[in-house]
Amino acid sequence: MSHDHSHHGPACHHNHNFDGMSDDYKRRLWVVIAINAIMFVVELVAGSIAGSQALQADALDFLADTLTYGVSLYVIGMPLAIRSGAALAKGISLTLMALWVFGTTLYQVFVLHVPSAPVMAGVAVAALIANAASVLLLVKYKDGDANVKSVWLCSRNDMIGNIIVVAAAAGVWGTGTAWPDLIVAGIMAGLFLSSSLRIITQSLAERRART
């Protein structure tokens, strides 16, 4: 399969990693973007209604992914410098989100109210199904450049995050306290941080490797 679509001429240096140049991949990415955008709105509203930090943290995750996947789709086929720059920007924005979740969770610790477990559980299960669908759509393309890999990592993390939120809802229901919700929001912020560091590291490595 030849890559010379004479897109960007010789400036387009293709590394060995899959860079997203495939109509099938792009179609799947559009579906995943739509799923994430819808779940962001659903979880944000439900998180506010239920008073759940973990749901709101997860909503933020869906927003991050919608933007991330949008950027990924936009830079497919562009020179490596642009693609690794986009991945770097995603890594930095994930770091900022992690800090925001940590901050709001700490605030919640001091202004404690118990979230509504049934709303939390219902929405977390819906989010889990949405993410599982995204992961299944993307699993075929999980190894690629920093851009493609960041899409895969986000989807996979979201799934882990959703499972933890479902557990938090069970914890809130079982204990009648807000602690499981807050602990989970903290764990999710940690997940954001670890992914963002991996994406930043890989995108920096790709920038350095550019010859």
N, C-alpha and C. Protein backbone atom coordinates (compact mmCIF):
# COMPACT_ATOMS: atom_id res chain seq x y z
N MET A 1 0.85 -1.20 0.00
CA MET A 1 0.00 0.00 0.00
C MET A 1 0.88 1.23 0.00
N SER A 2 0.80 2.04 -1.06
CA SER A 2 1.76 3.14 -1.15
C SER A 2 1.22 4.34 -0.42
N HIS A 3 2.16 5.07 0.22
CA HIS A 3 1.73 6.22 1.01
C HIS A 3 1.88 7.49 0.21
N ASP A 4 2.27 7.38 -1.12
CA ASP A 4 2.52 8.67 -1.67
C ASP A 4 1.30 9.29 -2.28
N HIS A 5 0.53 9.90 -1.37
CA HIS A 5 -0.66 10.62 -1.79
C HIS A 5 -0.24 12.04 -2.17
N SER A 6 1.05 12.27 -2.29
CA SER A 6 1.64 13.59 -2.54
C SER A 6 0.96 14.67 -1.72
N HIS A 7 0.60 14.27 -0.48
CA HIS A 7 -0.01 15.16 0.51
C HIS A 7 0.90 16.31 0.86
N HIS A 8 2.01 15.94 1.46
CA HIS A 8 2.91 16.95 2.02
C HIS A 8 4.29 16.75 1.42
N GLY A 9 4.37 16.11 0.29
CA GLY A 9 5.64 15.91 -0.38
C GLY A 9 6.63 15.20 0.52
N PRO A 10 7.92 15.45 0.29
CA PRO A 10 8.96 14.71 1.01
C PRO A 10 8.97 15.05 2.51
N ALA A 11 8.30 16.16 2.90
CA ALA A 11 8.30 16.53 4.33
C ALA A 11 7.58 15.47 5.17
N CYS A 12 6.73 14.69 4.50
CA CYS A 12 5.96 13.71 5.24
C CYS A 12 6.81 12.47 5.51
N HIS A 13 7.50 12.49 6.61
CA HIS A 13 8.38 11.37 6.94
C HIS A 13 7.58 10.32 7.69
N HIS A 14 7.38 9.16 7.08
CA HIS A 14 6.59 8.12 7.72
C HIS A 14 7.48 7.24 8.58
N ASN A 15 7.18 7.18 9.87
CA ASN A 15 7.91 6.22 10.70
C ASN A 15 7.23 4.87 10.54
N HIS A 16 7.73 3.85 11.22
CA HIS A 16 7.18 2.52 11.00
C HIS A 16 5.84 2.33 11.70
N ASN A 17 5.51 3.22 12.64
CA ASN A 17 4.25 3.07 13.35
C ASN A 17 3.07 3.49 12.48
N PHE A 18 1.95 2.78 12.65
CA PHE A 18 0.72 3.14 11.94
C PHE A 18 0.32 4.56 12.32
N ASP A 19 0.10 5.43 11.33
CA ASP A 19 -0.16 6.84 11.64
C ASP A 19 -1.60 7.25 11.40
N GLY A 20 -2.49 6.27 11.23
CA GLY A 20 -3.91 6.61 11.11
C GLY A 20 -4.40 6.83 9.70
N MET A 21 -3.50 6.68 8.71
CA MET A 21 -3.89 6.90 7.32
C MET A 21 -4.74 5.75 6.80
N SER A 22 -5.97 5.69 7.23
CA SER A 22 -6.86 4.62 6.77
C SER A 22 -8.29 5.10 6.94
N ASP A 23 -9.09 4.94 5.88
CA ASP A 23 -10.47 5.40 5.94
C ASP A 23 -11.26 4.65 7.01
N ASP A 24 -10.94 3.37 7.17
CA ASP A 24 -11.63 2.56 8.18
C ASP A 24 -11.34 3.12 9.57
N TYR A 25 -10.07 3.43 9.83
CA TYR A 25 -9.68 3.98 11.13
C TYR A 25 -10.39 5.31 11.37
N LYS A 26 -10.43 6.16 10.33
CA LYS A 26 -11.07 7.47 10.47
C LYS A 26 -12.57 7.33 10.77
N ARG A 27 -13.22 6.38 10.06
CA ARG A 27 -14.65 6.16 10.32
C ARG A 27 -14.89 5.72 11.76
N ARG A 28 -14.06 4.79 12.22
CA ARG A 28 -14.20 4.30 13.59
C ARG A 28 -13.97 5.44 14.58
N LEU A 29 -13.00 6.30 14.27
CA LEU A 29 -12.69 7.41 15.16
C LEU A 29 -13.86 8.38 15.25
N TRP A 30 -14.55 8.65 14.12
CA TRP A 30 -15.73 9.52 14.14
C TRP A 30 -16.81 8.97 15.06
N VAL A 31 -17.04 7.65 14.98
CA VAL A 31 -18.07 7.03 15.83
C VAL A 31 -17.69 7.19 17.30
N VAL A 32 -16.40 6.96 17.60
CA VAL A 32 -15.92 7.07 18.98
C VAL A 32 -16.03 8.51 19.48
N ILE A 33 -15.76 9.48 18.61
CA ILE A 33 -15.89 10.90 18.98
C ILE A 33 -17.35 11.20 19.37
N ALA A 34 -18.29 10.69 18.56
CA ALA A 34 -19.72 10.92 18.84
C ALA A 34 -20.12 10.29 20.17
N ILE A 35 -19.67 9.05 20.41
CA ILE A 35 -20.00 8.35 21.67
C ILE A 35 -19.49 9.16 22.86
N ASN A 36 -18.24 9.63 22.77
CA ASN A 36 -17.63 10.37 23.88
C ASN A 36 -18.31 11.71 24.14
N ALA A 37 -18.68 12.41 23.06
CA ALA A 37 -19.33 13.72 23.22
C ALA A 37 -20.67 13.55 23.93
N ILE A 38 -21.44 12.53 23.54
CA ILE A 38 -22.75 12.28 24.16
C ILE A 38 -22.57 11.93 25.65
N MET A 39 -21.59 11.05 25.94
CA MET A 39 -21.40 10.61 27.32
C MET A 39 -20.87 11.74 28.21
N PHE A 40 -20.13 12.67 27.63
CA PHE A 40 -19.65 13.83 28.41
C PHE A 40 -20.85 14.60 28.96
N VAL A 41 -21.81 14.90 28.07
CA VAL A 41 -23.00 15.67 28.48
C VAL A 41 -23.80 14.89 29.51
N VAL A 42 -24.03 13.59 29.23
CA VAL A 42 -24.83 12.75 30.14
C VAL A 42 -24.20 12.70 31.53
N GLU A 43 -22.88 12.45 31.58
CA GLU A 43 -22.23 12.31 32.89
C GLU A 43 -22.11 13.63 33.64
N LEU A 44 -21.90 14.71 32.90
CA LEU A 44 -21.77 16.01 33.57
C LEU A 44 -23.09 16.37 34.25
N VAL A 45 -24.19 16.19 33.52
CA VAL A 45 -25.51 16.50 34.07
C VAL A 45 -25.82 15.55 35.24
N ALA A 46 -25.60 14.26 35.03
CA ALA A 46 -25.89 13.27 36.08
C ALA A 46 -24.99 13.48 37.29
N GLY A 47 -23.73 13.84 37.04
CA GLY A 47 -22.79 14.08 38.15
C GLY A 47 -23.24 15.24 39.01
N SER A 48 -23.76 16.29 38.35
CA SER A 48 -24.26 17.45 39.10
C SER A 48 -25.52 17.08 39.89
N ILE A 49 -26.41 16.35 39.23
CA ILE A 49 -27.66 15.95 39.90
C ILE A 49 -27.36 15.03 41.09
N ALA A 50 -26.45 14.06 40.86
CA ALA A 50 -26.16 13.07 41.90
C ALA A 50 -25.19 13.61 42.95
N GLY A 51 -24.54 14.73 42.64
CA GLY A 51 -23.52 15.26 43.56
C GLY A 51 -22.31 14.35 43.63
N SER A 52 -21.95 13.74 42.50
CA SER A 52 -20.84 12.79 42.49
C SER A 52 -19.60 13.33 41.80
N GLN A 53 -18.50 13.40 42.57
CA GLN A 53 -17.21 13.83 42.02
C GLN A 53 -16.69 12.84 41.00
N ALA A 54 -16.87 11.54 41.29
CA ALA A 54 -16.33 10.52 40.39
C ALA A 54 -17.01 10.60 39.02
N LEU A 55 -18.33 10.84 39.01
CA LEU A 55 -19.04 10.98 37.73
C LEU A 55 -18.56 12.22 36.99
N GLN A 56 -18.35 13.31 37.73
CA GLN A 56 -17.89 14.53 37.07
C GLN A 56 -16.47 14.36 36.54
N ALA A 57 -15.63 13.63 37.28
CA ALA A 57 -14.27 13.37 36.82
C ALA A 57 -14.33 12.53 35.55
N ASP A 58 -15.25 11.58 35.52
CA ASP A 58 -15.38 10.71 34.37
C ASP A 58 -15.92 11.50 33.17
N ALA A 59 -16.82 12.45 33.44
CA ALA A 59 -17.37 13.29 32.37
C ALA A 59 -16.23 14.09 31.72
N LEU A 60 -15.36 14.60 32.58
CA LEU A 60 -14.22 15.38 32.12
C LEU A 60 -13.35 14.51 31.22
N ASP A 61 -13.26 13.24 31.59
CA ASP A 61 -12.49 12.28 30.82
C ASP A 61 -13.10 12.12 29.42
N PHE A 62 -14.43 12.04 29.37
CA PHE A 62 -15.09 11.94 28.07
C PHE A 62 -14.86 13.20 27.23
N LEU A 63 -14.86 14.37 27.89
CA LEU A 63 -14.60 15.61 27.17
C LEU A 63 -13.17 15.60 26.63
N ALA A 64 -12.23 15.18 27.49
CA ALA A 64 -10.83 15.11 27.09
C ALA A 64 -10.69 14.24 25.85
N ASP A 65 -11.40 13.11 25.86
CA ASP A 65 -11.29 12.18 24.76
C ASP A 65 -11.91 12.73 23.49
N THR A 66 -13.04 13.42 23.64
CA THR A 66 -13.70 13.99 22.46
C THR A 66 -12.72 14.94 21.77
N LEU A 67 -12.08 15.81 22.58
CA LEU A 67 -11.11 16.77 22.03
C LEU A 67 -9.88 16.04 21.49
N THR A 68 -9.40 15.07 22.27
CA THR A 68 -8.22 14.31 21.89
C THR A 68 -8.42 13.60 20.56
N TYR A 69 -9.56 12.92 20.43
CA TYR A 69 -9.80 12.16 19.22
C TYR A 69 -10.02 13.09 18.03
N GLY A 70 -10.64 14.24 18.32
CA GLY A 70 -10.84 15.24 17.27
C GLY A 70 -9.50 15.72 16.73
N VAL A 71 -8.58 16.03 17.65
CA VAL A 71 -7.24 16.47 17.26
C VAL A 71 -6.54 15.35 16.50
N SER A 72 -6.66 14.11 17.00
CA SER A 72 -6.02 12.97 16.35
C SER A 72 -6.49 12.82 14.91
N LEU A 73 -7.79 12.98 14.73
CA LEU A 73 -8.37 12.83 13.40
C LEU A 73 -7.85 13.95 12.50
N TYR A 74 -7.76 15.15 13.06
CA TYR A 74 -7.34 16.31 12.28
C TYR A 74 -5.89 16.19 11.79
N VAL A 75 -5.02 15.65 12.63
CA VAL A 75 -3.59 15.63 12.26
C VAL A 75 -3.15 14.36 11.51
N ILE A 76 -4.08 13.41 11.31
CA ILE A 76 -3.71 12.19 10.56
C ILE A 76 -3.16 12.60 9.19
N GLY A 77 -2.02 12.02 8.84
CA GLY A 77 -1.44 12.30 7.53
C GLY A 77 -0.58 13.54 7.48
N MET A 78 -0.54 14.31 8.58
CA MET A 78 0.34 15.48 8.62
C MET A 78 1.75 15.04 8.98
N PRO A 79 2.73 15.92 8.77
CA PRO A 79 4.11 15.53 9.11
C PRO A 79 4.25 15.15 10.58
N LEU A 80 5.24 14.31 10.85
CA LEU A 80 5.45 13.79 12.21
C LEU A 80 5.60 14.91 13.23
N ALA A 81 6.24 16.01 12.85
CA ALA A 81 6.46 17.12 13.79
C ALA A 81 5.12 17.61 14.32
N ILE A 82 4.14 17.73 13.43
CA ILE A 82 2.80 18.22 13.83
C ILE A 82 2.09 17.17 14.67
N ARG A 83 2.22 15.88 14.25
CA ARG A 83 1.53 14.83 14.99
C ARG A 83 2.10 14.68 16.40
N SER A 84 3.42 14.75 16.52
CA SER A 84 3.98 14.59 17.86
C SER A 84 3.69 15.83 18.71
N GLY A 85 3.59 16.99 18.05
CA GLY A 85 3.22 18.22 18.77
C GLY A 85 1.80 18.12 19.31
N ALA A 86 0.90 17.55 18.50
CA ALA A 86 -0.50 17.38 18.93
C ALA A 86 -0.57 16.42 20.11
N ALA A 87 0.23 15.35 20.04
CA ALA A 87 0.23 14.37 21.13
C ALA A 87 0.76 15.03 22.40
N LEU A 88 1.77 15.89 22.24
CA LEU A 88 2.35 16.59 23.39
C LEU A 88 1.29 17.50 24.03
N ALA A 89 0.54 18.22 23.18
CA ALA A 89 -0.51 19.11 23.69
C ALA A 89 -1.56 18.31 24.45
N LYS A 90 -1.90 17.09 23.94
CA LYS A 90 -2.88 16.24 24.62
C LYS A 90 -2.35 15.82 25.99
N GLY A 91 -1.08 15.46 26.01
CA GLY A 91 -0.46 15.02 27.27
C GLY A 91 -0.53 16.13 28.31
N ILE A 92 -0.23 17.35 27.87
CA ILE A 92 -0.24 18.49 28.80
C ILE A 92 -1.67 18.77 29.27
N SER A 93 -2.65 18.69 28.35
CA SER A 93 -4.04 18.97 28.77
C SER A 93 -4.56 17.91 29.74
N LEU A 94 -4.13 16.66 29.54
CA LEU A 94 -4.51 15.59 30.48
C LEU A 94 -3.93 15.87 31.86
N THR A 95 -2.69 16.38 31.89
CA THR A 95 -2.05 16.71 33.17
C THR A 95 -2.86 17.79 33.89
N LEU A 96 -3.28 18.81 33.14
CA LEU A 96 -4.06 19.90 33.74
C LEU A 96 -5.39 19.37 34.27
N MET A 97 -6.00 18.44 33.52
CA MET A 97 -7.27 17.88 33.97
C MET A 97 -7.11 17.07 35.25
N ALA A 98 -5.99 16.34 35.31
CA ALA A 98 -5.72 15.55 36.51
C ALA A 98 -5.65 16.48 37.72
N LEU A 99 -4.96 17.60 37.55
CA LEU A 99 -4.81 18.55 38.66
C LEU A 99 -6.16 19.14 39.04
N TRP A 100 -7.01 19.40 38.03
CA TRP A 100 -8.34 19.95 38.30
C TRP A 100 -9.17 18.95 39.11
N VAL A 101 -9.10 17.67 38.72
CA VAL A 101 -9.87 16.65 39.44
C VAL A 101 -9.36 16.53 40.88
N PHE A 102 -8.03 16.53 41.07
CA PHE A 102 -7.47 16.48 42.42
C PHE A 102 -7.98 17.67 43.24
N GLY A 103 -7.95 18.86 42.63
CA GLY A 103 -8.38 20.07 43.32
C GLY A 103 -9.84 20.03 43.74
N THR A 104 -10.71 19.68 42.80
CA THR A 104 -12.14 19.67 43.12
C THR A 104 -12.46 18.55 44.12
N THR A 105 -11.71 17.46 44.06
CA THR A 105 -11.94 16.36 45.00
C THR A 105 -11.57 16.81 46.41
N LEU A 106 -10.45 17.51 46.54
CA LEU A 106 -10.05 18.03 47.85
C LEU A 106 -11.11 18.98 48.38
N TYR A 107 -11.61 19.84 47.49
CA TYR A 107 -12.65 20.80 47.88
C TYR A 107 -13.86 20.03 48.42
N GLN A 108 -14.22 18.97 47.72
CA GLN A 108 -15.37 18.15 48.10
C GLN A 108 -15.18 17.49 49.47
N VAL A 109 -13.92 17.15 49.77
CA VAL A 109 -13.63 16.51 51.06
C VAL A 109 -14.05 17.45 52.20
N PHE A 110 -13.85 18.75 51.98
CA PHE A 110 -14.17 19.70 53.05
C PHE A 110 -15.62 20.15 53.03
N VAL A 111 -16.31 19.92 51.93
CA VAL A 111 -17.72 20.30 51.82
C VAL A 111 -18.49 19.01 51.54
N LEU A 112 -18.47 18.11 52.50
CA LEU A 112 -18.91 16.73 52.26
C LEU A 112 -20.43 16.58 52.16
N HIS A 113 -20.89 16.02 51.05
CA HIS A 113 -22.27 15.56 51.02
C HIS A 113 -22.29 14.22 50.29
N VAL A 114 -23.22 13.37 50.66
CA VAL A 114 -23.22 12.01 50.12
C VAL A 114 -23.89 11.98 48.75
N PRO A 115 -23.17 11.45 47.73
CA PRO A 115 -23.76 11.40 46.39
C PRO A 115 -24.92 10.40 46.32
N SER A 116 -25.73 10.53 45.27
CA SER A 116 -26.83 9.60 45.06
C SER A 116 -26.32 8.33 44.35
N ALA A 117 -26.27 7.22 45.08
CA ALA A 117 -25.71 5.98 44.55
C ALA A 117 -26.46 5.44 43.31
N PRO A 118 -27.80 5.42 43.32
CA PRO A 118 -28.48 4.85 42.14
C PRO A 118 -28.17 5.59 40.84
N VAL A 119 -28.16 6.94 40.91
CA VAL A 119 -27.84 7.72 39.70
C VAL A 119 -26.41 7.42 39.26
N MET A 120 -25.51 7.42 40.25
CA MET A 120 -24.10 7.13 39.96
C MET A 120 -23.94 5.79 39.26
N ALA A 121 -24.55 4.77 39.84
CA ALA A 121 -24.40 3.42 39.31
C ALA A 121 -24.97 3.32 37.90
N GLY A 122 -26.17 3.85 37.70
CA GLY A 122 -26.81 3.77 36.39
C GLY A 122 -25.98 4.43 35.30
N VAL A 123 -25.51 5.65 35.60
CA VAL A 123 -24.75 6.38 34.58
C VAL A 123 -23.38 5.74 34.37
N ALA A 124 -22.77 5.26 35.44
CA ALA A 124 -21.45 4.62 35.31
C ALA A 124 -21.53 3.37 34.44
N VAL A 125 -22.63 2.62 34.57
CA VAL A 125 -22.80 1.42 33.75
C VAL A 125 -22.99 1.83 32.27
N ALA A 126 -23.78 2.88 32.04
CA ALA A 126 -23.98 3.37 30.67
C ALA A 126 -22.64 3.81 30.08
N ALA A 127 -21.83 4.50 30.89
CA ALA A 127 -20.52 4.97 30.43
C ALA A 127 -19.60 3.79 30.12
N LEU A 128 -19.70 2.77 30.94
CA LEU A 128 -18.88 1.58 30.74
C LEU A 128 -19.21 0.93 29.38
N ILE A 129 -20.51 0.84 29.09
CA ILE A 129 -20.93 0.26 27.81
C ILE A 129 -20.42 1.12 26.64
N ALA A 130 -20.53 2.45 26.79
CA ALA A 130 -20.07 3.37 25.74
C ALA A 130 -18.57 3.19 25.49
N ASN A 131 -17.80 3.09 26.58
CA ASN A 131 -16.36 2.94 26.42
C ASN A 131 -15.97 1.58 25.89
N ALA A 132 -16.70 0.55 26.32
CA ALA A 132 -16.40 -0.80 25.82
C ALA A 132 -16.59 -0.81 24.30
N ALA A 133 -17.63 -0.11 23.83
CA ALA A 133 -17.87 -0.03 22.38
C ALA A 133 -16.71 0.68 21.70
N SER A 134 -16.21 1.77 22.31
CA SER A 134 -15.08 2.51 21.74
C SER A 134 -13.83 1.64 21.68
N VAL A 135 -13.58 0.90 22.77
CA VAL A 135 -12.39 0.04 22.83
C VAL A 135 -12.47 -1.03 21.74
N LEU A 136 -13.65 -1.63 21.56
CA LEU A 136 -13.81 -2.67 20.53
C LEU A 136 -13.59 -2.08 19.14
N LEU A 137 -14.03 -0.83 18.94
CA LEU A 137 -13.85 -0.19 17.64
C LEU A 137 -12.37 0.08 17.35
N LEU A 138 -11.61 0.35 18.42
CA LEU A 138 -10.23 0.80 18.22
C LEU A 138 -9.15 -0.26 18.43
N VAL A 139 -9.53 -1.42 19.00
CA VAL A 139 -8.53 -2.40 19.42
C VAL A 139 -7.64 -2.84 18.25
N LYS A 140 -8.22 -2.85 17.05
CA LYS A 140 -7.47 -3.25 15.87
C LYS A 140 -6.29 -2.30 15.60
N TYR A 141 -6.40 -1.07 16.09
CA TYR A 141 -5.39 -0.05 15.78
C TYR A 141 -4.62 0.39 17.02
N LYS A 142 -4.41 -0.52 17.99
CA LYS A 142 -3.87 -0.03 19.25
C LYS A 142 -2.38 0.31 19.19
N ASP A 143 -1.64 -0.24 18.21
CA ASP A 143 -0.21 0.07 18.12
C ASP A 143 0.02 1.05 16.98
N GLY A 144 0.46 2.23 17.33
CA GLY A 144 0.71 3.22 16.28
C GLY A 144 1.62 4.30 16.81
N ASP A 145 1.64 5.44 16.13
CA ASP A 145 2.46 6.55 16.61
C ASP A 145 1.83 7.14 17.88
N ALA A 146 2.44 8.19 18.42
CA ALA A 146 1.97 8.74 19.71
C ALA A 146 0.51 9.15 19.63
N ASN A 147 0.11 9.63 18.45
CA ASN A 147 -1.26 10.06 18.26
C ASN A 147 -2.26 8.92 18.33
N VAL A 148 -1.98 7.88 17.53
CA VAL A 148 -2.87 6.72 17.48
C VAL A 148 -2.86 6.01 18.83
N LYS A 149 -1.68 5.92 19.42
CA LYS A 149 -1.55 5.24 20.72
C LYS A 149 -2.30 6.01 21.80
N SER A 150 -2.28 7.34 21.75
CA SER A 150 -2.97 8.12 22.80
C SER A 150 -4.47 7.88 22.72
N VAL A 151 -4.99 7.68 21.50
CA VAL A 151 -6.42 7.39 21.33
C VAL A 151 -6.74 6.06 22.02
N TRP A 152 -5.89 5.07 21.78
CA TRP A 152 -6.10 3.74 22.36
C TRP A 152 -5.99 3.80 23.88
N LEU A 153 -4.95 4.47 24.38
CA LEU A 153 -4.72 4.55 25.83
C LEU A 153 -5.89 5.23 26.54
N CYS A 154 -6.40 6.31 25.93
CA CYS A 154 -7.54 7.02 26.54
C CYS A 154 -8.75 6.11 26.64
N SER A 155 -9.04 5.39 25.55
CA SER A 155 -10.21 4.51 25.56
C SER A 155 -10.07 3.43 26.62
N ARG A 156 -8.87 2.86 26.68
CA ARG A 156 -8.65 1.77 27.63
C ARG A 156 -8.75 2.29 29.07
N ASN A 157 -8.17 3.47 29.32
CA ASN A 157 -8.24 4.06 30.66
C ASN A 157 -9.66 4.37 31.06
N ASP A 158 -10.44 4.84 30.08
CA ASP A 158 -11.82 5.18 30.39
C ASP A 158 -12.57 3.96 30.88
N MET A 159 -12.28 2.84 30.24
CA MET A 159 -12.97 1.62 30.61
C MET A 159 -12.62 1.24 32.05
N ILE A 160 -11.32 1.36 32.37
CA ILE A 160 -10.88 1.08 33.75
C ILE A 160 -11.58 2.06 34.69
N GLY A 161 -11.60 3.34 34.28
CA GLY A 161 -12.24 4.38 35.09
C GLY A 161 -13.70 4.08 35.36
N ASN A 162 -14.42 3.65 34.32
CA ASN A 162 -15.85 3.35 34.48
C ASN A 162 -16.08 2.21 35.46
N ILE A 163 -15.24 1.18 35.36
CA ILE A 163 -15.39 0.04 36.27
C ILE A 163 -15.20 0.52 37.70
N ILE A 164 -14.21 1.42 37.89
CA ILE A 164 -13.95 1.95 39.24
C ILE A 164 -15.13 2.80 39.72
N VAL A 165 -15.75 3.58 38.80
CA VAL A 165 -16.90 4.42 39.20
C VAL A 165 -18.08 3.54 39.61
N VAL A 166 -18.29 2.43 38.89
CA VAL A 166 -19.36 1.50 39.27
C VAL A 166 -19.08 0.98 40.69
N ALA A 167 -17.80 0.66 40.96
CA ALA A 167 -17.41 0.19 42.30
C ALA A 167 -17.65 1.29 43.34
N ALA A 168 -17.37 2.54 42.97
CA ALA A 168 -17.57 3.66 43.89
C ALA A 168 -19.05 3.81 44.24
N ALA A 169 -19.90 3.65 43.23
CA ALA A 169 -21.35 3.76 43.47
C ALA A 169 -21.78 2.69 44.47
N ALA A 170 -21.25 1.48 44.29
CA ALA A 170 -21.56 0.39 45.22
C ALA A 170 -21.06 0.74 46.62
N GLY A 171 -19.87 1.35 46.66
CA GLY A 171 -19.29 1.75 47.96
C GLY A 171 -20.10 2.82 48.65
N VAL A 172 -20.56 3.81 47.87
CA VAL A 172 -21.38 4.89 48.43
C VAL A 172 -22.69 4.31 48.97
N TRP A 173 -23.26 3.41 48.19
CA TRP A 173 -24.52 2.78 48.59
C TRP A 173 -24.31 1.93 49.84
N GLY A 174 -23.21 1.18 49.88
CA GLY A 174 -22.94 0.28 51.00
C GLY A 174 -22.58 1.00 52.29
N THR A 175 -21.83 2.11 52.16
CA THR A 175 -21.33 2.78 53.38
C THR A 175 -22.17 3.98 53.77
N GLY A 176 -22.95 4.51 52.80
CA GLY A 176 -23.73 5.71 53.10
C GLY A 176 -22.87 6.94 53.29
N THR A 177 -21.60 6.88 52.84
CA THR A 177 -20.72 8.06 52.94
C THR A 177 -20.21 8.43 51.55
N ALA A 178 -19.60 9.61 51.45
CA ALA A 178 -19.10 10.08 50.16
C ALA A 178 -17.68 9.58 49.87
N TRP A 179 -17.05 8.95 50.86
CA TRP A 179 -15.63 8.59 50.69
C TRP A 179 -15.32 7.74 49.46
N PRO A 180 -16.11 6.68 49.18
CA PRO A 180 -15.76 5.88 47.98
C PRO A 180 -15.74 6.75 46.71
N ASP A 181 -16.68 7.69 46.62
CA ASP A 181 -16.76 8.58 45.46
C ASP A 181 -15.49 9.44 45.36
N LEU A 182 -15.07 9.99 46.50
CA LEU A 182 -13.90 10.87 46.52
C LEU A 182 -12.61 10.11 46.23
N ILE A 183 -12.51 8.91 46.82
CA ILE A 183 -11.31 8.09 46.61
C ILE A 183 -11.18 7.76 45.12
N VAL A 184 -12.31 7.41 44.50
CA VAL A 184 -12.30 7.06 43.08
C VAL A 184 -11.93 8.27 42.22
N ALA A 185 -12.46 9.45 42.56
CA ALA A 185 -12.11 10.65 41.80
C ALA A 185 -10.60 10.86 41.88
N GLY A 186 -10.02 10.60 43.06
CA GLY A 186 -8.57 10.72 43.25
C GLY A 186 -7.81 9.71 42.39
N ILE A 187 -8.30 8.46 42.37
CA ILE A 187 -7.66 7.41 41.57
C ILE A 187 -7.70 7.79 40.09
N MET A 188 -8.84 8.33 39.66
CA MET A 188 -8.96 8.70 38.25
C MET A 188 -8.01 9.82 37.87
N ALA A 189 -7.82 10.76 38.81
CA ALA A 189 -6.87 11.83 38.55
C ALA A 189 -5.46 11.24 38.39
N GLY A 190 -5.16 10.22 39.20
CA GLY A 190 -3.87 9.53 39.09
C GLY A 190 -3.72 8.84 37.73
N LEU A 191 -4.83 8.24 37.26
CA LEU A 191 -4.82 7.59 35.93
C LEU A 191 -4.55 8.61 34.83
N PHE A 192 -5.22 9.78 34.93
CA PHE A 192 -4.99 10.85 33.95
C PHE A 192 -3.50 11.18 33.92
N LEU A 193 -2.92 11.34 35.12
CA LEU A 193 -1.52 11.74 35.21
C LEU A 193 -0.60 10.71 34.58
N SER A 194 -0.84 9.42 34.89
CA SER A 194 0.07 8.40 34.36
C SER A 194 -0.03 8.32 32.83
N SER A 195 -1.25 8.44 32.28
CA SER A 195 -1.37 8.41 30.81
C SER A 195 -0.73 9.63 30.20
N SER A 196 -0.96 10.79 30.83
CA SER A 196 -0.42 12.01 30.24
C SER A 196 1.10 11.93 30.19
N LEU A 197 1.72 11.35 31.23
CA LEU A 197 3.18 11.24 31.23
C LEU A 197 3.65 10.30 30.12
N ARG A 198 2.90 9.20 29.91
CA ARG A 198 3.28 8.27 28.84
C ARG A 198 3.17 8.91 27.46
N ILE A 199 2.08 9.67 27.26
CA ILE A 199 1.88 10.32 25.96
C ILE A 199 2.97 11.38 25.73
N ILE A 200 3.25 12.17 26.79
CA ILE A 200 4.28 13.21 26.68
C ILE A 200 5.64 12.58 26.36
N THR A 201 5.97 11.50 27.08
CA THR A 201 7.25 10.82 26.86
C THR A 201 7.37 10.31 25.43
N GLN A 202 6.31 9.65 24.94
CA GLN A 202 6.39 9.11 23.58
C GLN A 202 6.46 10.22 22.54
N SER A 203 5.68 11.29 22.73
CA SER A 203 5.69 12.35 21.72
C SER A 203 7.05 13.06 21.70
N LEU A 204 7.68 13.21 22.88
CA LEU A 204 9.01 13.82 22.92
C LEU A 204 10.03 12.93 22.24
N ALA A 205 9.89 11.61 22.46
CA ALA A 205 10.81 10.65 21.83
C ALA A 205 10.65 10.74 20.30
N GLU A 206 9.40 10.87 19.83
CA GLU A 206 9.17 10.96 18.39
C GLU A 206 9.75 12.25 17.81
N ARG A 207 9.66 13.33 18.58
CA ARG A 207 10.22 14.59 18.11
C ARG A 207 11.73 14.46 17.97
N ARG A 208 12.34 13.82 18.99
CA ARG A 208 13.81 13.65 18.96
C ARG A 208 14.24 12.74 17.82
N ALA A 209 13.41 11.70 17.55
CA ALA A 209 13.77 10.70 16.54
C ALA A 209 13.60 11.21 15.13
N ARG A 210 12.96 12.38 15.00
CA ARG A 210 12.68 12.90 13.66
C ARG A 210 13.98 13.19 12.91
N THR A 211 14.16 12.55 11.80
CA THR A 211 15.39 12.82 11.02
C THR A 211 15.01 13.17 9.60
